[in-house]
């Protein structure tokens, strides 16, 4: 699992301030120290610039960080350190807390706890700027366990109290929504929203997801309570997210998951630069430089969608057959048939969410629900595979939280009856595995390592033009 990005923060020794790229400040070169993470700059004692406000961009981990570190980052972003400590995080990854801290310090310049605290503080600052949530709501929405912990972290990171920071916001920072929480989802250009929303439309689960007029909508469930997300274009460097949530606690993880869904947690600039040397991929990257890899809101939902498509077309085309116009994701007929199967599952076992419009009627059923369901009402071969997958996920034999290595995840998925290695790679790619390749391995695809997920995405986008 990888988290891509190349943002470099510049810290000035003489002022104690760090900035993001493009800031108008012009310090002397000899006084500048660079960091790949805002959290690392903060851990070194620097505070955020008030002009460029680096906290508004989440920042991502460099491509050359070890896979173990990147998997740990995915788990932290998912909230594993909200209620646990570094020892528990290390145990999830099969290493000691001491070894994990050493790896983080060597490659990121921070400990796992410092990384998590920085992300919470930055998200809280965005809420203080962009929303009218109360101070208490901001604290719990950002993943802090108490107001005391929240106030202490904000003073350490921003040298001010939350109330002082709220008073300091600019007039055009505040976003006004007609209901719900409206937030900017920043990205580093280029970013191809049309390609992303087109991909999401092709794989949309009826009743759960919809795309209308360039806006993506979906139902969600938080601890069994329903909600609604809307994502659409916002500006040259951001999308807009409107979240209708049953409660604000832990909203940071809703936003992080939404960001992964639309590829904002991955800025594959290094990957694109390396793939640009390949004669097959280079023209595709030049044609679509802002293409990102679609992610998933619900890992189990994405897995079910992939196995249903595969079960309905065991002879689905392969990515490496691009020259023949094949896209490796099944054709339009496959997706139409899969949509009907998914619609039946959703209507029978999903949680009803009435009154939303846009064709949204249910939240996707959980693995536990499908594991104990008596009869799906879908083709038998599809039911056998989905039921087996649901049981393995429900019992914890298959873990889809981003903490597994690519090889481990593919092996566990492919052990399910009816799930091929190709389908397992398709699922892994949507969960963020940078080298997942949903096609037949070949000498050509070997040349694209370790960026085969991005290469496959470009091939599929070209095939769907």
Protein backbone atom coordinates (compact mmCIF):
# COMPACT_ATOMS: atom_id res chain seq x y z
CA UNK A 1 0.00 0.00 0.00
CA UNK A 2 1.39 3.38 -0.97
CA UNK A 3 0.46 6.98 -0.38
CA UNK A 4 1.81 9.19 -3.15
CA UNK A 5 2.86 12.80 -3.02
CA UNK A 6 5.74 15.20 -3.56
CA UNK A 7 4.83 18.32 -1.59
CA UNK A 8 7.94 19.88 -0.02
CA UNK A 9 7.57 22.36 2.84
CA UNK A 10 10.16 25.07 3.35
CA UNK A 11 11.03 26.08 6.92
CA UNK A 12 12.96 29.26 7.72
CA UNK A 13 15.38 28.99 10.62
CA UNK A 14 15.39 32.71 11.37
CA UNK A 15 11.59 33.06 11.65
CA UNK A 16 10.59 29.59 12.86
CA UNK A 17 7.89 29.43 10.17
CA UNK A 18 7.28 26.79 7.49
CA UNK A 19 5.47 27.31 4.18
CA UNK A 20 4.02 25.24 1.39
CA UNK A 21 5.23 25.56 -2.24
CA UNK A 22 4.21 28.76 -3.97
CA UNK A 23 4.20 30.96 -0.88
CA UNK A 24 5.20 34.54 -1.58
CA UNK A 25 7.81 34.60 1.19
CA UNK A 26 11.40 34.94 -0.13
CA UNK A 27 13.85 33.85 2.58
CA UNK A 28 17.59 33.49 2.01
CA UNK A 29 18.45 30.02 0.73
CA UNK A 30 20.97 29.40 3.50
CA UNK A 31 18.22 29.89 6.10
CA UNK A 32 15.84 27.36 4.54
CA UNK A 33 15.32 23.78 5.64
CA UNK A 34 12.96 21.48 3.74
CA UNK A 35 10.51 18.85 4.97
CA UNK A 36 8.31 16.43 3.06
CA UNK A 37 5.60 16.55 5.72
CA UNK A 38 4.07 19.46 7.58
CA UNK A 39 4.05 17.22 10.64
CA UNK A 40 7.83 16.85 10.41
CA UNK A 41 8.28 20.62 10.28
CA UNK A 42 6.07 20.97 13.34
CA UNK A 43 7.94 18.23 15.18
CA UNK A 44 11.13 20.18 14.49
CA UNK A 45 9.62 23.26 16.19
CA UNK A 46 8.34 25.29 13.21
CA UNK A 47 4.87 26.83 13.03
CA UNK A 48 2.58 27.21 10.01
CA UNK A 49 2.78 30.32 7.82
CA UNK A 50 -0.24 32.60 8.17
CA UNK A 51 0.01 33.65 4.52
CA UNK A 52 0.02 30.32 2.63
CA UNK A 53 -1.66 28.31 5.41
CA UNK A 54 -0.11 24.89 4.74
CA UNK A 55 -2.67 23.22 6.98
CA UNK A 56 -5.22 23.59 4.15
CA UNK A 57 -3.44 20.86 2.17
CA UNK A 58 -3.37 17.46 3.89
CA UNK A 59 -0.04 16.45 2.35
CA UNK A 60 0.95 12.91 1.45
CA UNK A 61 3.86 10.60 2.05
CA UNK A 62 6.74 10.43 -0.43
CA UNK A 63 6.86 7.58 -2.94
CA UNK A 64 10.17 6.24 -1.70
CA UNK A 65 8.92 5.55 1.83
CA UNK A 66 8.93 1.81 2.64
CA UNK A 67 5.71 -0.11 2.14
CA UNK A 68 5.45 -0.78 5.88
CA UNK A 69 5.43 2.94 6.62
CA UNK A 70 2.82 3.59 3.94
CA UNK A 71 0.57 0.83 5.24
CA UNK A 72 0.90 2.31 8.74
CA UNK A 73 -0.04 5.73 7.36
CA UNK A 74 -3.18 4.25 5.79
CA UNK A 75 -4.19 2.76 9.13
CA UNK A 76 -3.52 6.04 10.95
CA UNK A 77 -5.61 7.95 8.40
CA UNK A 78 -8.33 5.38 9.00
CA UNK A 79 -8.32 6.25 12.71
CA UNK A 80 -6.42 3.37 14.32
CA UNK A 81 -4.67 5.75 16.74
CA UNK A 82 -7.88 7.44 17.86
CA UNK A 83 -8.50 4.74 20.45
CA UNK A 84 -5.21 2.79 20.43
CA UNK A 85 -1.50 3.45 20.82
CA UNK A 86 1.64 2.85 18.77
CA UNK A 87 2.03 -0.61 20.31
CA UNK A 88 -1.33 -1.67 18.91
CA UNK A 89 -0.47 -0.16 15.53
CA UNK A 90 2.81 -2.04 15.43
CA UNK A 91 1.08 -5.29 16.40
CA UNK A 92 -1.37 -4.85 13.51
CA UNK A 93 1.62 -4.61 11.16
CA UNK A 94 3.63 -7.38 12.82
CA UNK A 95 6.42 -5.17 14.21
CA UNK A 96 7.28 -3.62 17.56
CA UNK A 97 6.30 -0.05 18.43
CA UNK A 98 9.99 0.80 18.76
CA UNK A 99 10.77 -0.45 15.26
CA UNK A 100 7.77 1.40 13.84
CA UNK A 101 8.81 4.68 15.50
CA UNK A 102 12.32 4.25 14.14
CA UNK A 103 10.98 3.67 10.62
CA UNK A 104 8.74 6.75 10.85
CA UNK A 105 11.55 8.93 12.19
CA UNK A 106 13.97 7.76 9.50
CA UNK A 107 11.60 8.24 6.58
CA UNK A 108 9.03 10.84 7.68
CA UNK A 109 10.78 12.76 10.44
CA UNK A 110 7.96 12.15 12.93
CA UNK A 111 6.60 9.40 15.15
CA UNK A 112 3.25 7.78 14.31
CA UNK A 113 1.62 9.71 17.17
CA UNK A 114 3.03 13.02 15.91
CA UNK A 115 1.78 12.27 12.41
CA UNK A 116 -1.72 11.51 13.69
CA UNK A 117 -1.80 14.58 15.93
CA UNK A 118 -0.75 16.86 13.08
CA UNK A 119 -3.49 15.56 10.76
CA UNK A 120 -6.12 16.04 13.48
CA UNK A 121 -4.93 19.57 14.20
CA UNK A 122 -4.83 20.53 10.53
CA UNK A 123 -8.32 19.18 9.92
CA UNK A 124 -9.58 21.04 12.98
CA UNK A 125 -8.07 24.28 11.67
CA UNK A 126 -9.89 23.77 8.36
CA UNK A 127 -13.17 23.30 10.24
CA UNK A 128 -12.52 26.44 12.29
CA UNK A 129 -11.98 28.35 9.04
CA UNK A 130 -14.62 26.86 6.77
CA UNK A 131 -17.51 25.82 9.03
CA UNK A 132 -19.62 27.26 11.82
CA UNK A 133 -19.35 24.16 14.01
CA UNK A 134 -18.91 24.92 17.68
CA UNK A 135 -15.45 24.54 19.24
CA UNK A 136 -16.56 21.33 20.95
CA UNK A 137 -17.98 19.89 17.71
CA UNK A 138 -14.73 20.74 15.89
CA UNK A 139 -12.73 18.92 18.54
CA UNK A 140 -14.67 15.67 18.32
CA UNK A 141 -15.15 15.88 14.54
CA UNK A 142 -11.36 16.02 14.24
CA UNK A 143 -10.78 12.86 16.26
CA UNK A 144 -9.68 14.38 19.57
CA UNK A 145 -10.75 12.50 22.68
CA UNK A 146 -11.34 15.58 24.85
CA UNK A 147 -11.43 19.37 24.75
CA UNK A 148 -8.30 19.48 26.92
CA UNK A 149 -6.40 17.32 24.42
CA UNK A 150 -7.75 19.44 21.56
CA UNK A 151 -6.74 22.76 23.13
CA UNK A 152 -3.27 21.48 23.98
CA UNK A 153 -2.65 20.19 20.44
CA UNK A 154 -3.83 23.41 18.79
CA UNK A 155 -1.58 25.51 21.02
CA UNK A 156 1.39 23.27 20.25
CA UNK A 157 0.82 23.27 16.48
CA UNK A 158 -0.57 26.77 15.88
CA UNK A 159 0.57 28.69 19.01
CA UNK A 160 -3.04 29.82 19.58
CA UNK A 161 -6.24 28.60 21.16
CA UNK A 162 -9.08 27.29 18.96
CA UNK A 163 -11.16 30.37 19.78
CA UNK A 164 -8.34 32.70 18.71
CA UNK A 165 -7.93 30.74 15.47
CA UNK A 166 -11.66 30.96 14.72
CA UNK A 167 -11.54 34.73 15.20
CA UNK A 168 -8.60 34.92 12.80
CA UNK A 169 -10.33 33.34 9.82
CA UNK A 170 -10.78 35.32 6.63
CA UNK A 171 -14.11 36.37 5.23
CA UNK A 172 -13.90 34.13 2.14
CA UNK A 173 -12.81 31.08 4.16
CA UNK A 174 -16.30 30.39 5.48
CA UNK A 175 -18.41 28.09 3.32
CA UNK A 176 -22.18 28.29 3.62
CA UNK A 177 -24.15 25.14 2.88
CA UNK A 178 -27.85 24.58 2.46
CA UNK A 179 -27.74 21.91 5.15
CA UNK A 180 -24.84 19.60 5.86
CA UNK A 181 -21.16 20.35 6.28
CA UNK A 182 -19.45 21.94 3.27
CA UNK A 183 -15.66 21.58 2.97
CA UNK A 184 -12.98 22.12 0.36
CA UNK A 185 -11.09 19.02 -0.78
CA UNK A 186 -7.75 20.45 -1.93
CA UNK A 187 -5.55 18.84 -4.57
CA UNK A 188 -2.32 19.60 -6.38
CA UNK A 189 -3.09 20.20 -10.09
CA UNK A 190 -3.41 18.62 -12.54
CA UNK A 191 -6.46 16.63 -11.52
CA UNK A 192 -8.97 15.20 -14.03
CA UNK A 193 -12.36 15.31 -12.33
CA UNK A 194 -14.19 14.41 -15.55
CA UNK A 195 -12.24 11.15 -15.82
CA UNK A 196 -12.77 10.38 -12.14
CA UNK A 197 -16.50 11.00 -12.14
CA UNK A 198 -16.83 9.04 -15.39
CA UNK A 199 -15.13 6.04 -13.79
CA UNK A 200 -17.34 6.30 -10.71
CA UNK A 201 -20.42 6.47 -12.93
CA UNK A 202 -19.45 3.27 -14.77
CA UNK A 203 -19.10 1.29 -11.55
CA UNK A 204 -21.88 2.96 -9.52
CA UNK A 205 -23.93 0.63 -7.32
CA UNK A 206 -27.65 1.30 -8.02
CA UNK A 207 -29.45 2.75 -5.03
CA UNK A 208 -26.15 3.53 -3.27
CA UNK A 209 -24.28 5.76 -5.73
CA UNK A 210 -25.29 8.18 -8.48
CA UNK A 211 -23.64 10.66 -10.83
CA UNK A 212 -25.68 13.56 -12.19
CA UNK A 213 -24.36 16.65 -13.99
CA UNK A 214 -20.80 16.00 -12.88
CA UNK A 215 -21.68 15.56 -9.20
CA UNK A 216 -21.10 12.25 -7.41
CA UNK A 217 -23.47 11.28 -4.59
CA UNK A 218 -23.63 8.27 -2.32
CA UNK A 219 -25.24 6.97 0.82
CA UNK A 220 -23.08 6.01 3.78
CA UNK A 221 -23.63 4.34 7.13
CA UNK A 222 -21.79 5.35 10.31
CA UNK A 223 -22.30 2.83 13.10
CA UNK A 224 -25.56 1.87 11.44
CA UNK A 225 -26.85 5.44 11.06
CA UNK A 226 -27.31 6.73 7.49
CA UNK A 227 -25.72 9.75 5.84
CA UNK A 228 -25.14 11.30 2.42
CA UNK A 229 -22.03 12.57 0.63
CA UNK A 230 -21.93 14.85 -2.40
CA UNK A 231 -18.66 15.58 -4.24
CA UNK A 232 -18.35 17.97 -7.16
CA UNK A 233 -16.03 20.51 -8.78
CA UNK A 234 -15.10 23.54 -6.71
CA UNK A 235 -12.15 25.38 -8.21
CA UNK A 236 -8.79 25.04 -9.91
CA UNK A 237 -7.22 23.45 -6.83
CA UNK A 238 -10.10 21.87 -4.93
CA UNK A 239 -13.30 19.87 -5.07
CA UNK A 240 -16.26 20.58 -2.81
CA UNK A 241 -17.60 17.99 -0.38
CA UNK A 242 -21.01 18.33 1.23
CA UNK A 243 -21.52 15.81 4.02
CA UNK A 244 -24.86 15.12 5.67
CA UNK A 245 -23.87 13.10 8.73
CA UNK A 246 -25.81 11.61 11.64
CA UNK A 247 -23.23 13.10 14.05
CA UNK A 248 -20.01 15.11 13.82
CA UNK A 249 -17.76 12.87 15.90
CA UNK A 250 -14.99 11.42 13.74
CA UNK A 251 -15.92 13.49 10.68
CA UNK A 252 -12.20 13.65 9.86
CA UNK A 253 -12.34 9.99 8.83
CA UNK A 254 -15.38 10.59 6.63
CA UNK A 255 -13.45 13.29 4.78
CA UNK A 256 -10.31 11.13 4.54
CA UNK A 257 -12.31 8.23 3.10
CA UNK A 258 -14.02 10.56 0.63
CA UNK A 259 -10.60 11.86 -0.42
CA UNK A 260 -9.33 8.34 -1.05
CA UNK A 261 -12.50 7.56 -3.04
CA UNK A 262 -11.71 10.29 -5.58
CA UNK A 263 -7.95 9.81 -5.62
CA UNK A 264 -6.95 12.89 -3.62
CA UNK A 265 -4.82 10.96 -1.14
CA UNK A 266 -2.52 9.96 -4.02
CA UNK A 267 -0.54 12.44 -6.09
CA UNK A 268 1.30 10.04 -8.46
CA UNK A 269 3.75 12.55 -9.89
CA UNK A 270 6.83 10.41 -9.36
CA UNK A 271 4.96 7.40 -10.71
CA UNK A 272 3.89 9.33 -13.81
CA UNK A 273 7.43 10.62 -14.32
CA UNK A 274 8.85 7.11 -14.27
CA UNK A 275 6.10 5.63 -16.44
CA UNK A 276 6.61 8.44 -18.96
CA UNK A 277 9.73 6.60 -20.13
CA UNK A 278 7.58 3.72 -21.41
CA UNK A 279 6.53 4.00 -25.09
CA UNK A 280 3.06 2.53 -24.40
CA UNK A 281 2.18 4.57 -21.31
CA UNK A 282 3.91 7.87 -22.17
CA UNK A 283 1.33 9.09 -24.74
CA UNK A 284 -1.51 8.17 -22.40
CA UNK A 285 -0.01 10.21 -19.56
CA UNK A 286 0.58 13.13 -21.91
CA UNK A 287 -3.06 12.96 -23.00
CA UNK A 288 -4.45 12.68 -19.44
CA UNK A 289 -1.86 14.15 -17.03
CA UNK A 290 -4.43 14.65 -14.27
CA UNK A 291 -5.68 11.07 -14.17
CA UNK A 292 -5.90 9.56 -10.68
CA UNK A 293 -6.70 6.04 -9.55
CA UNK A 294 -10.31 5.69 -8.32
CA UNK A 295 -10.53 4.46 -4.75
CA UNK A 296 -13.41 3.11 -2.70
CA UNK A 297 -15.61 4.42 0.09
CA UNK A 298 -16.38 0.94 1.40
CA UNK A 299 -13.69 -1.72 0.86
CA UNK A 300 -16.22 -4.55 1.18
CA UNK A 301 -18.59 -2.82 -1.23
CA UNK A 302 -15.78 -2.46 -3.79
CA UNK A 303 -14.85 -6.11 -3.34
CA UNK A 304 -18.42 -7.30 -3.91
CA UNK A 305 -18.77 -5.10 -6.99
CA UNK A 306 -15.56 -6.55 -8.47
CA UNK A 307 -16.45 -10.19 -7.85
CA UNK A 308 -19.95 -9.72 -9.27
CA UNK A 309 -18.57 -8.26 -12.51
CA UNK A 310 -16.03 -11.08 -12.73
CA UNK A 311 -18.60 -13.79 -12.00
CA UNK A 312 -20.85 -12.51 -14.78
CA UNK A 313 -18.04 -12.59 -17.30
CA UNK A 314 -15.35 -15.15 -16.59
CA UNK A 315 -13.78 -14.30 -19.92
CA UNK A 316 -13.52 -10.54 -19.19
CA UNK A 317 -10.93 -8.71 -21.36
CA UNK A 318 -7.47 -8.10 -19.99
CA UNK A 319 -5.74 -4.76 -19.47
CA UNK A 320 -2.74 -5.83 -21.55
CA UNK A 321 -5.05 -6.24 -24.53
CA UNK A 322 -5.38 -2.46 -24.78
CA UNK A 323 -4.26 -2.44 -28.39
CA UNK A 324 -7.36 -4.44 -29.26
CA UNK A 325 -9.56 -2.00 -27.38
CA UNK A 326 -9.89 -4.10 -24.25
CA UNK A 327 -10.05 -2.38 -20.86
CA UNK A 328 -9.70 -5.17 -18.30
CA UNK A 329 -12.82 -4.10 -16.40
CA UNK A 330 -15.46 -5.94 -18.38
CA UNK A 331 -17.61 -4.27 -21.04
CA UNK A 332 -20.68 -2.11 -20.68
CA UNK A 333 -22.95 -5.17 -20.79
CA UNK A 334 -21.02 -6.71 -17.87
CA UNK A 335 -21.52 -3.59 -15.76
CA UNK A 336 -25.20 -3.34 -16.68
CA UNK A 337 -25.76 -6.96 -15.62
CA UNK A 338 -23.68 -6.44 -12.48
CA UNK A 339 -25.73 -3.37 -11.66
CA UNK A 340 -28.91 -5.42 -11.68
CA UNK A 341 -27.40 -8.03 -9.35
CA UNK A 342 -26.09 -5.35 -6.99
CA UNK A 343 -29.45 -3.59 -7.03
CA UNK A 344 -31.13 -6.79 -5.82
CA UNK A 345 -28.60 -7.24 -3.02
CA UNK A 346 -28.94 -3.61 -1.95
CA UNK A 347 -32.75 -3.61 -1.96
CA UNK A 348 -32.95 -6.91 -0.08
CA UNK A 349 -30.25 -6.41 2.54
CA UNK A 350 -29.11 -2.79 2.51
CA UNK A 351 -30.25 -0.25 5.10
CA UNK A 352 -33.13 1.87 3.68
CA UNK A 353 -32.37 5.59 3.50
CA UNK A 354 -35.60 7.28 2.37
CA UNK A 355 -36.15 10.76 1.01
CA UNK A 356 -32.75 11.42 -0.58
CA UNK A 357 -33.70 11.56 -4.26
CA UNK A 358 -31.16 11.12 -7.08
CA UNK A 359 -31.99 7.40 -7.14
CA UNK A 360 -30.39 6.88 -3.72
CA UNK A 361 -32.43 4.51 -1.57
CA UNK A 362 -30.14 2.33 0.58
CA UNK A 363 -26.78 2.06 2.26
CA UNK A 364 -24.74 -0.91 1.07
CA UNK A 365 -25.22 -4.08 3.16
CA UNK A 366 -22.46 -5.08 5.56
CA UNK A 367 -20.40 -8.25 5.28
CA UNK A 368 -22.14 -9.56 8.40
CA UNK A 369 -25.55 -9.02 6.83
CA UNK A 370 -24.69 -10.82 3.59
CA UNK A 371 -22.89 -13.61 5.46
CA UNK A 372 -26.06 -14.58 7.34
CA UNK A 373 -28.59 -13.85 4.59
CA UNK A 374 -30.53 -16.96 3.60
CA UNK A 375 -31.05 -16.32 -0.10
CA UNK A 376 -29.80 -13.50 -2.35
CA UNK A 377 -32.13 -13.91 -5.32
CA UNK A 378 -29.22 -13.63 -7.78
CA UNK A 379 -27.50 -16.16 -10.07
CA UNK A 380 -26.21 -19.14 -8.10
CA UNK A 381 -22.53 -18.77 -9.04
CA UNK A 382 -22.63 -15.10 -8.02
CA UNK A 383 -24.32 -15.93 -4.72
CA UNK A 384 -21.78 -18.63 -3.87
CA UNK A 385 -18.85 -16.29 -4.41
CA UNK A 386 -20.33 -13.25 -2.67
CA UNK A 387 -21.47 -15.31 0.31
CA UNK A 388 -18.02 -16.88 0.69
CA UNK A 389 -16.38 -13.46 0.47
CA UNK A 390 -18.80 -11.98 3.02
CA UNK A 391 -18.14 -14.79 5.49
CA UNK A 392 -14.38 -14.41 5.21
CA UNK A 393 -14.59 -10.63 5.76
CA UNK A 394 -17.13 -10.94 8.59
CA UNK A 395 -14.97 -13.43 10.48
CA UNK A 396 -11.80 -11.39 9.99
CA UNK A 397 -10.03 -13.91 7.78
CA UNK A 398 -9.86 -11.23 5.09
CA UNK A 399 -8.93 -7.74 6.31
CA UNK A 400 -9.61 -4.80 3.99
CA UNK A 401 -8.38 -1.92 6.17
CA UNK A 402 -5.23 -1.11 4.19
CA UNK A 403 -2.84 -2.77 6.61
CA UNK A 404 -2.14 -5.85 4.47
CA UNK A 405 0.66 -6.09 1.95
CA UNK A 406 -0.37 -6.46 -1.69
CA UNK A 407 0.78 -10.08 -1.80
CA UNK A 408 -1.00 -10.90 1.46
CA UNK A 409 -4.25 -9.25 0.37
CA UNK A 410 -4.26 -10.90 -3.05
CA UNK A 411 -3.53 -14.30 -1.52
CA UNK A 412 -6.38 -14.03 0.98
CA UNK A 413 -8.87 -12.83 -1.63
CA UNK A 414 -7.87 -15.39 -4.26
CA UNK A 415 -8.41 -18.15 -1.69
CA UNK A 416 -12.15 -17.44 -1.88
CA UNK A 417 -13.98 -19.74 -4.25
CA UNK A 418 -14.74 -17.88 -7.47
CA UNK A 419 -12.27 -15.00 -6.91
CA UNK A 420 -9.43 -15.03 -9.41
CA UNK A 421 -6.05 -13.42 -8.87
CA UNK A 422 -7.01 -10.82 -11.48
CA UNK A 423 -10.15 -9.89 -9.53
CA UNK A 424 -8.13 -9.78 -6.31
CA UNK A 425 -5.75 -7.29 -7.94
CA UNK A 426 -8.72 -5.23 -9.13
CA UNK A 427 -9.96 -5.00 -5.55
CA UNK A 428 -6.46 -4.22 -4.23
CA UNK A 429 -6.08 -1.36 -6.69
CA UNK A 430 -9.26 0.30 -5.44
CA UNK A 431 -7.94 -0.09 -1.90
CA UNK A 432 -4.78 1.82 -2.84
CA UNK A 433 -2.15 -0.81 -3.71
CA UNK A 434 0.21 0.99 -6.08
CA UNK A 435 1.43 -2.17 -7.87
CA UNK A 436 -1.91 -3.95 -8.18
CA UNK A 437 -2.47 -4.97 -11.79
CA UNK A 438 -5.94 -6.23 -12.82
CA UNK A 439 -4.72 -7.97 -15.96
CA UNK A 440 -2.64 -10.88 -17.11
CA UNK A 441 0.98 -10.54 -16.04
CA UNK A 442 3.31 -10.07 -18.99
CA UNK A 443 6.79 -8.90 -19.82
CA UNK A 444 5.31 -5.54 -20.75
CA UNK A 445 3.53 -5.10 -17.41
CA UNK A 446 6.70 -6.05 -15.53
CA UNK A 447 8.30 -2.92 -16.96
CA UNK A 448 5.68 -0.80 -15.21
CA UNK A 449 6.54 -1.95 -11.69
CA UNK A 450 6.06 -0.63 -9.06
CA UNK A 451 3.42 1.63 -10.64
CA UNK A 452 1.24 -0.92 -12.42
CA UNK A 453 -1.98 0.38 -10.85
CA UNK A 454 -1.52 3.78 -12.49
CA UNK A 455 -0.47 2.18 -15.79
CA UNK A 456 -3.62 0.03 -15.79
CA UNK A 457 -5.78 3.05 -15.01
CA UNK A 458 -4.37 4.95 -17.99
CA UNK A 459 -4.94 1.94 -20.26
CA UNK A 460 -8.54 1.62 -19.12
CA UNK A 461 -9.21 5.34 -19.51
CA UNK A 462 -7.90 5.22 -23.08
CA UNK A 463 -10.03 2.17 -23.87
CA UNK A 464 -13.17 3.91 -22.58
CA UNK A 465 -12.75 7.07 -24.67
